[in-house]
C-alpha atoms as a PDB file:
ATOM      1  CA  THR A   1     -24.874  71.886 -60.481  1.00  0.00           C
ATOM      2  CA  VAL A   2     -27.212  71.335 -57.597  1.00  0.00           C
ATOM      3  CA  GLU A   3     -24.897  70.940 -54.498  1.00  0.00           C
ATOM      4  CA  GLU A   4     -27.243  70.846 -51.618  1.00  0.00           C
ATOM      5  CA  ILE A   5     -31.043  71.057 -50.917  1.00  0.00           C
ATOM      6  CA  ASN A   6     -32.076  72.069 -47.384  1.00  0.00           C
ATOM      7  CA  ASN A   7     -28.409  71.503 -46.241  1.00  0.00           C
ATOM      8  CA  ILE A   8     -28.527  67.815 -47.631  1.00  0.00           C
ATOM      9  CA  LYS A   9     -25.613  67.126 -49.981  1.00  0.00           C
ATOM     10  CA  ILE A  10     -26.922  65.844 -53.396  1.00  0.00           C
ATOM     11  CA  THR A  11     -24.894  62.983 -54.731  1.00  0.00           C
ATOM     12  CA  SER A  12     -27.099  61.645 -57.529  1.00  0.00           C
ATOM     13  CA  ALA A  13     -29.875  62.783 -59.973  1.00  0.00           C
ATOM     14  CA  GLN A  14     -32.256  60.163 -58.203  1.00  0.00           C
ATOM     15  CA  GLN A  15     -31.548  61.710 -54.798  1.00  0.00           C
ATOM     16  CA  LEU A  16     -32.487  65.204 -56.118  1.00  0.00           C
ATOM     17  CA  ILE A  17     -35.702  63.782 -57.726  1.00  0.00           C
ATOM     18  CA  THR A  18     -36.561  61.900 -54.469  1.00  0.00           C
ATOM     19  CA  ILE A  19     -36.028  64.834 -52.146  1.00  0.00           C
ATOM     20  CA  THR A  20     -37.903  67.313 -54.510  1.00  0.00           C
ATOM     21  CA  LYS A  21     -40.966  65.049 -54.414  1.00  0.00           C
ATOM     22  CA  GLU A  22     -40.796  64.858 -50.694  1.00  0.00           C
ATOM     23  CA  HIS A  23     -41.263  68.640 -50.431  1.00  0.00           C
ATOM     24  CA  LEU A  24     -44.025  69.289 -53.135  1.00  0.00           C
ATOM     25  CA  GLY A  25     -45.740  72.465 -52.314  1.00  0.00           C
ATOM     26  CA  GLU A  26     -43.125  73.465 -49.663  1.00  0.00           C
ATOM     27  CA  LYS A  27     -40.308  76.051 -49.886  1.00  0.00           C
ATOM     28  CA  ILE A  28     -36.792  74.603 -50.086  1.00  0.00           C
ATOM     29  CA  ILE A  29     -33.301  76.134 -50.210  1.00  0.00           C
ATOM     30  CA  ILE A  30     -31.320  75.000 -53.212  1.00  0.00           C
ATOM     31  CA  LYS A  31     -27.485  75.687 -53.214  1.00  0.00           C
ATOM     32  CA  ILE A  32     -26.356  75.781 -56.790  1.00  0.00           C
ATOM     33  CA  ILE A  33     -22.534  75.762 -57.931  1.00  0.00           C
ATOM     34  CA  HIS A  34     -21.734  77.138 -61.252  1.00  0.00           C
ATOM     35  CA  SER A  35     -18.276  76.836 -62.879  1.00  0.00           C
ATOM     36  CA  THR A  36     -16.929  79.637 -65.077  1.00  0.00           C
ATOM     37  CA  GLY A  37     -15.449  77.079 -67.439  1.00  0.00           C
ATOM     38  CA  SER A  38     -11.875  77.311 -66.406  1.00  0.00           C
ATOM     39  CA  GLY A  39     -12.479  74.914 -63.408  1.00  0.00           C
ATOM     40  CA  GLN A  40     -10.930  77.467 -61.008  1.00  0.00           C
ATOM     41  CA  LYS A  41     -13.666  79.977 -60.149  1.00  0.00           C
ATOM     42  CA  LEU A  42     -16.960  78.700 -58.690  1.00  0.00           C
ATOM     43  CA  ILE A  43     -19.956  80.854 -58.316  1.00  0.00           C
ATOM     44  CA  ILE A  44     -22.284  79.696 -55.438  1.00  0.00           C
ATOM     45  CA  LYS A  45     -26.003  80.812 -55.280  1.00  0.00           C
ATOM     46  CA  GLU A  46     -28.775  79.876 -52.816  1.00  0.00           C
ATOM     47  CA  LEU A  47     -32.316  79.932 -54.306  1.00  0.00           C
ATOM     48  CA  GLU A  48     -35.642  79.449 -52.468  1.00  0.00           C
ATOM     49  CA  VAL A  49     -38.047  77.583 -54.656  1.00  0.00           C
ATOM     50  CA  ALA A  50     -41.403  75.642 -53.965  1.00  0.00           C
ATOM     51  CA  PRO A  51     -41.789  72.413 -56.088  1.00  0.00           C
ATOM     52  CA  ARG A  52     -45.134  72.356 -57.753  1.00  0.00           C
ATOM     53  CA  LYS A  53     -47.670  69.695 -56.591  1.00  0.00           C
ATOM     54  CA  ASN A  54     -49.426  69.835 -59.996  1.00  0.00           C
ATOM     55  CA  TYR A  55     -47.101  70.065 -63.079  1.00  0.00           C
ATOM     56  CA  PRO A  56     -47.200  69.149 -66.700  1.00  0.00           C
ATOM     57  CA  LYS A  57     -46.293  65.554 -67.688  1.00  0.00           C
ATOM     58  CA  ASN A  58     -43.117  66.590 -69.511  1.00  0.00           C
ATOM     59  CA  GLU A  59     -41.905  68.793 -66.750  1.00  0.00           C
ATOM     60  CA  GLY A  60     -40.796  68.188 -63.311  1.00  0.00           C
ATOM     61  CA  PRO A  61     -41.992  69.858 -60.041  1.00  0.00           C
ATOM     62  CA  MET A  62     -39.443  72.606 -60.406  1.00  0.00           C
ATOM     63  CA  GLY A  63     -39.766  72.970 -64.222  1.00  0.00           C
ATOM     64  CA  ILE A  64     -36.265  72.021 -64.950  1.00  0.00           C
ATOM     65  CA  SER A  65     -34.501  69.142 -66.836  1.00  0.00           C
ATOM     66  CA  ILE A  66     -31.911  67.087 -65.254  1.00  0.00           C
ATOM     67  CA  SER A  67     -28.626  66.226 -66.991  1.00  0.00           C
ATOM     68  CA  GLN A  68     -25.612  64.238 -65.901  1.00  0.00           C
ATOM     69  CA  SER A  69     -22.400  66.295 -65.807  1.00  0.00           C
ATOM     70  CA  VAL A  70     -19.100  66.406 -64.106  1.00  0.00           C
ATOM     71  CA  LEU A  71     -17.941  69.364 -62.033  1.00  0.00           C
ATOM     72  CA  ILE A  72     -14.282  69.418 -61.561  1.00  0.00           C
ATOM     73  CA  LYS A  73     -12.829  70.853 -58.257  1.00  0.00           C
ATOM     74  CA  LYS A  74      -9.337  71.205 -57.507  1.00  0.00           C
ATOM     75  CA  TYR A  75      -7.972  70.895 -53.825  1.00  0.00           C
ATOM     76  CA  PRO A  76      -4.477  71.183 -52.330  1.00  0.00           C
ATOM     77  CA  TRP A  77      -2.592  67.875 -52.393  1.00  0.00           C
ATOM     78  CA  TYR A  78      -2.663  67.632 -48.571  1.00  0.00           C
ATOM     79  CA  GLU A  79      -6.517  67.843 -48.536  1.00  0.00           C
ATOM     80  CA  ALA A  80      -7.068  65.386 -51.495  1.00  0.00           C
ATOM     81  CA  PRO A  81      -6.482  62.193 -49.445  1.00  0.00           C
ATOM     82  CA  VAL A  82      -8.734  63.234 -46.585  1.00  0.00           C
ATOM     83  CA  LEU A  83     -11.569  64.321 -49.086  1.00  0.00           C
ATOM     84  CA  GLY A  84     -11.124  61.227 -51.049  1.00  0.00           C
ATOM     85  CA  THR A  85     -11.522  58.990 -48.045  1.00  0.00           C
ATOM     86  CA  GLN A  86     -14.558  60.880 -46.905  1.00  0.00           C
ATOM     87  CA  GLU A  87     -16.020  60.508 -50.532  1.00  0.00           C
ATOM     88  CA  ALA A  88     -15.171  56.843 -50.475  1.00  0.00           C
ATOM     89  CA  LEU A  89     -16.920  56.277 -47.133  1.00  0.00           C
ATOM     90  CA  ALA A  90     -19.846  58.185 -48.140  1.00  0.00           C
ATOM     91  CA  GLU A  91     -20.216  56.079 -51.398  1.00  0.00           C
ATOM     92  CA  SER A  92     -19.795  52.999 -49.408  1.00  0.00           C
ATOM     93  CA  TRP A  93     -22.590  53.885 -47.139  1.00  0.00           C
ATOM     94  CA  MET A  94     -24.741  54.676 -50.207  1.00  0.00           C
ATOM     95  CA  ILE A  95     -23.846  51.352 -51.806  1.00  0.00           C
ATOM     96  CA  ALA A  96     -24.535  49.324 -48.657  1.00  0.00           C
ATOM     97  CA  SER A  97     -27.944  51.080 -48.218  1.00  0.00           C
ATOM     98  CA  GLY A  98     -28.757  50.575 -51.866  1.00  0.00           C
ATOM     99  CA  LEU A  99     -28.178  46.781 -51.473  1.00  0.00           C
ATOM    100  CA  GLY A 100     -30.360  46.603 -48.421  1.00  0.00           C
ATOM    101  CA  MET A 101     -33.042  48.511 -50.075  1.00  0.00           C
ATOM    102  CA  MET A 102     -32.679  46.196 -53.083  1.00  0.00           C
ATOM    103  CA  VAL A 103     -33.218  43.140 -50.937  1.00  0.00           C
ATOM    104  CA  TYR A 104     -36.050  44.755 -49.054  1.00  0.00           C
ATOM    105  CA  GLN A 105     -38.004  45.654 -52.177  1.00  0.00           C
ATOM    106  CA  LEU A 106     -37.403  42.402 -53.846  1.00  0.00           C
ATOM    107  CA  VAL A 107     -38.557  40.306 -50.918  1.00  0.00           C
ATOM    108  CA  LEU A 108     -41.602  42.420 -50.101  1.00  0.00           C
ATOM    109  CA  PHE A 109     -42.630  43.688 -53.460  1.00  0.00           C
ATOM    110  CA  GLY A 110     -40.992  41.481 -55.907  1.00  0.00           C
ATOM    111  CA  SER A 111     -39.627  44.297 -57.925  1.00  0.00           C
ATOM    112  CA  VAL A 112     -36.185  45.693 -58.873  1.00  0.00           C
ATOM    113  CA  PRO A 113     -35.598  49.245 -57.370  1.00  0.00           C
ATOM    114  CA  LYS A 114     -34.837  51.943 -59.752  1.00  0.00           C
ATOM    115  CA  GLY A 115     -31.074  52.584 -60.286  1.00  0.00           C
ATOM    116  CA  ILE A 116     -30.114  48.881 -59.743  1.00  0.00           C
ATOM    117  CA  ALA A 117     -28.222  47.499 -62.731  1.00  0.00           C
ATOM    118  CA  GLY A 118     -26.701  44.089 -63.772  1.00  0.00           C
ATOM    119  CA  PRO A 119     -24.142  43.419 -66.580  1.00  0.00           C
ATOM    120  CA  VAL A 120     -26.510  44.615 -69.286  1.00  0.00           C
ATOM    121  CA  GLY A 121     -27.182  47.764 -67.312  1.00  0.00           C
ATOM    122  CA  ILE A 122     -23.608  48.278 -66.599  1.00  0.00           C
ATOM    123  CA  ALA A 123     -22.809  48.246 -70.358  1.00  0.00           C
ATOM    124  CA  GLN A 124     -25.672  50.671 -70.905  1.00  0.00           C
ATOM    125  CA  LEU A 125     -24.484  53.124 -68.130  1.00  0.00           C
ATOM    126  CA  THR A 126     -20.992  52.938 -69.488  1.00  0.00           C
ATOM    127  CA  GLY A 127     -22.294  54.237 -72.959  1.00  0.00           C
ATOM    128  CA  GLN A 128     -23.864  57.114 -71.013  1.00  0.00           C
ATOM    129  CA  PHE A 129     -20.758  57.986 -69.120  1.00  0.00           C
ATOM    130  CA  VAL A 130     -18.658  58.018 -72.264  1.00  0.00           C
ATOM    131  CA  GLN A 131     -20.976  60.717 -73.519  1.00  0.00           C
ATOM    132  CA  ILE A 132     -20.328  62.680 -70.423  1.00  0.00           C
ATOM    133  CA  GLY A 133     -16.530  62.539 -70.538  1.00  0.00           C
ATOM    134  CA  PRO A 134     -13.357  60.969 -69.132  1.00  0.00           C
ATOM    135  CA  TYR A 135     -13.631  62.116 -65.667  1.00  0.00           C
ATOM    136  CA  ALA A 136     -17.191  60.573 -65.436  1.00  0.00           C
ATOM    137  CA  ILE A 137     -15.784  57.310 -66.802  1.00  0.00           C
ATOM    138  CA  LEU A 138     -12.995  57.292 -64.066  1.00  0.00           C
ATOM    139  CA  SER A 139     -15.603  58.026 -61.368  1.00  0.00           C
ATOM    140  CA  PHE A 140     -17.826  55.293 -62.597  1.00  0.00           C
ATOM    141  CA  VAL A 141     -14.886  52.793 -62.628  1.00  0.00           C
ATOM    142  CA  SER A 142     -14.036  53.549 -59.108  1.00  0.00           C
ATOM    143  CA  LEU A 143     -17.682  53.305 -58.166  1.00  0.00           C
ATOM    144  CA  LEU A 144     -17.855  49.817 -59.674  1.00  0.00           C
ATOM    145  CA  SER A 145     -14.714  48.682 -57.947  1.00  0.00           C
ATOM    146  CA  LEU A 146     -16.073  49.966 -54.607  1.00  0.00           C
ATOM    147  CA  ASN A 147     -19.334  48.256 -55.281  1.00  0.00           C
ATOM    148  CA  LEU A 148     -17.744  44.904 -55.893  1.00  0.00           C
ATOM    149  CA  ALA A 149     -15.479  45.185 -52.942  1.00  0.00           C
ATOM    150  CA  ILE A 150     -18.422  45.872 -50.517  1.00  0.00           C
ATOM    151  CA  LEU A 151     -20.443  43.179 -52.061  1.00  0.00           C
ATOM    152  CA  ASN A 152     -17.681  40.569 -51.804  1.00  0.00           C
ATOM    153  CA  ILE A 153     -17.015  41.350 -48.237  1.00  0.00           C
ATOM    154  CA  LEU A 154     -20.497  40.851 -47.086  1.00  0.00           C
ATOM    155  CA  PRO A 155     -21.212  37.720 -45.061  1.00  0.00           C
ATOM    156  CA  ILE A 156     -23.161  36.159 -47.973  1.00  0.00           C
ATOM    157  CA  PRO A 157     -22.521  32.339 -48.731  1.00  0.00           C
ATOM    158  CA  ALA A 158     -20.462  31.707 -51.932  1.00  0.00           C
ATOM    159  CA  LEU A 159     -18.660  35.012 -51.564  1.00  0.00           C
ATOM    160  CA  ASP A 160     -15.385  35.787 -49.885  1.00  0.00           C
ATOM    161  CA  GLY A 161     -17.293  37.493 -47.090  1.00  0.00           C
ATOM    162  CA  GLY A 162     -19.269  34.342 -46.461  1.00  0.00           C
ATOM    163  CA  ARG A 163     -16.167  32.182 -46.133  1.00  0.00           C
ATOM    164  CA  LEU A 164     -14.769  34.853 -43.747  1.00  0.00           C
ATOM    165  CA  PHE A 165     -17.915  34.633 -41.611  1.00  0.00           C
ATOM    166  CA  PHE A 166     -17.457  30.771 -41.138  1.00  0.00           C
ATOM    167  CA  ILE A 167     -13.782  31.261 -40.220  1.00  0.00           C
ATOM    168  CA  LEU A 168     -14.832  33.940 -37.588  1.00  0.00           C
ATOM    169  CA  ILE A 169     -17.317  31.492 -36.230  1.00  0.00           C
ATOM    170  CA  GLU A 170     -14.616  28.855 -35.885  1.00  0.00           C
ATOM    171  CA  VAL A 171     -12.258  31.422 -34.211  1.00  0.00           C
ATOM    172  CA  VAL A 172     -15.009  32.688 -31.733  1.00  0.00           C
ATOM    173  CA  THR A 173     -16.299  29.212 -30.763  1.00  0.00           C
ATOM    174  CA  GLY A 174     -13.064  27.239 -31.074  1.00  0.00           C
ATOM    175  CA  ARG A 175     -14.956  24.581 -33.193  1.00  0.00           C
ATOM    176  CA  LYS A 176     -14.723  23.540 -36.669  1.00  0.00           C
ATOM    177  CA  VAL A 177     -17.874  24.261 -38.826  1.00  0.00           C
ATOM    178  CA  ASN A 178     -19.451  21.199 -40.332  1.00  0.00           C
ATOM    179  CA  ARG A 179     -17.860  21.111 -43.780  1.00  0.00           C
ATOM    180  CA  LYS A 180     -20.976  19.588 -45.289  1.00  0.00           C
ATOM    181  CA  PHE A 181     -23.204  22.232 -43.805  1.00  0.00           C
ATOM    182  CA  GLU A 182     -20.886  25.005 -44.919  1.00  0.00           C
ATOM    183  CA  GLY A 183     -20.890  23.318 -48.605  1.00  0.00           C
ATOM    184  CA  TYR A 184     -24.704  23.458 -48.505  1.00  0.00           C
ATOM    185  CA  ALA A 185     -24.755  27.076 -47.367  1.00  0.00           C
ATOM    186  CA  HIS A 186     -22.286  28.053 -50.113  1.00  0.00           C
ATOM    187  CA  ALA A 187     -24.387  26.171 -52.809  1.00  0.00           C
ATOM    188  CA  ILE A 188     -27.628  27.783 -51.612  1.00  0.00           C
ATOM    189  CA  GLY A 189     -25.948  31.033 -51.544  1.00  0.00           C
ATOM    190  CA  MET A 190     -24.776  30.599 -55.171  1.00  0.00           C
ATOM    191  CA  VAL A 191     -28.196  29.517 -56.314  1.00  0.00           C
ATOM    192  CA  LEU A 192     -29.825  32.609 -54.801  1.00  0.00           C
ATOM    193  CA  LEU A 193     -27.103  34.958 -56.239  1.00  0.00           C
ATOM    194  CA  LEU A 194     -27.521  33.529 -59.782  1.00  0.00           C
ATOM    195  CA  GLY A 195     -31.223  33.981 -59.337  1.00  0.00           C
ATOM    196  CA  LEU A 196     -30.848  37.747 -58.274  1.00  0.00           C
ATOM    197  CA  ILE A 197     -28.486  38.135 -61.307  1.00  0.00           C
ATOM    198  CA  THR A 198     -30.991  36.601 -63.507  1.00  0.00           C
ATOM    199  CA  VAL A 199     -33.761  38.705 -62.279  1.00  0.00           C
ATOM    200  CA  ILE A 200     -31.734  41.998 -62.615  1.00  0.00           C
ATOM    201  CA  THR A 201     -30.516  40.941 -66.156  1.00  0.00           C
ATOM    202  CA  LEU A 202     -34.111  40.396 -67.240  1.00  0.00           C
ATOM    203  CA  HIS A 203     -35.090  43.819 -65.861  1.00  0.00           C
ATOM    204  CA  ASP A 204     -32.124  45.402 -67.607  1.00  0.00           C
ATOM    205  CA  LEU A 205     -33.139  43.906 -70.940  1.00  0.00           C
ATOM    206  CA  PHE A 206     -36.693  45.103 -70.542  1.00  0.00           C
ATOM    207  CA  ARG A 207     -35.366  48.574 -69.834  1.00  0.00           C
ATOM    208  CA  LEU A 208     -33.180  48.365 -72.779  1.00  0.00           C
ATOM    209  CA  PHE A 209     -35.649  47.267 -75.391  1.00  0.00           C
ATOM    210  CA  THR A 210     -38.257  49.800 -73.980  1.00  0.00           C
ATOM    211  CA  GLY A 211     -35.807  52.508 -74.246  1.00  0.00           C
ATOM    212  CA  GLN A 212     -35.575  53.353 -70.690  1.00  0.00           C
ATOM    213  CA  PRO A 213     -32.377  54.796 -69.435  1.00  0.00           C
ATOM    214  CA  ILE A 214     -30.810  54.004 -65.988  1.00  0.00           C
ATOM    215  CA  LEU A 215     -29.752  57.533 -65.562  1.00  0.00           C
ATOM    216  CA  PRO A 216     -31.886  60.413 -66.591  1.00  0.00           C
ATOM    217  CA  LYS A 217     -31.493  61.369 -70.310  1.00  0.00           C
ATOM    218  CA  ILE A 218     -28.961  64.084 -71.095  1.00  0.00           C
ATOM    219  CA  GLN A 219     -30.980  67.124 -72.315  1.00  0.00           C
END
């Protein structure tokens, strides 16, 4: 398992691909963690490699294949809550950044970024995580829950965060927000959200029928 590249913690296969392509022809330091199989003993190695600028179509810059796997690490009970909170915060930041990037790319380029999935894509992802194992499914469910929580709390009309935003305006200004205006805002927000879901779903269906996985294929 690739743990770090140039002291940057790797949290996804897509991040690994992106960082590798940013350093084509340059030497990078990769920290690899290998489990002995018992889940207790970990072997850590640091390798210096230079991703190729020119590489065969069926290979990557480093000549390796990427697979999705789960590395189980056990921590003392008193460390687990702290590490779990840190991981949740890191995942929250990743989700929020991903949402911002999705809106940015949709508005400027009219395309759905890689790795973004709707209901159809989530079903496809679930099938891939089932192949990996129960720990992957548990991690995926927790990530989905966190994703929904962050999305729902954002100040977007038609969502709970949008309603909370109008309440905060009333608290700060001491004035009631015009209900008709708020109703229009929520209606427009709902239309935009439904439009976004439609676009992402169509993208998911295209990806599904063309055989493109959301995650790199397990090899």
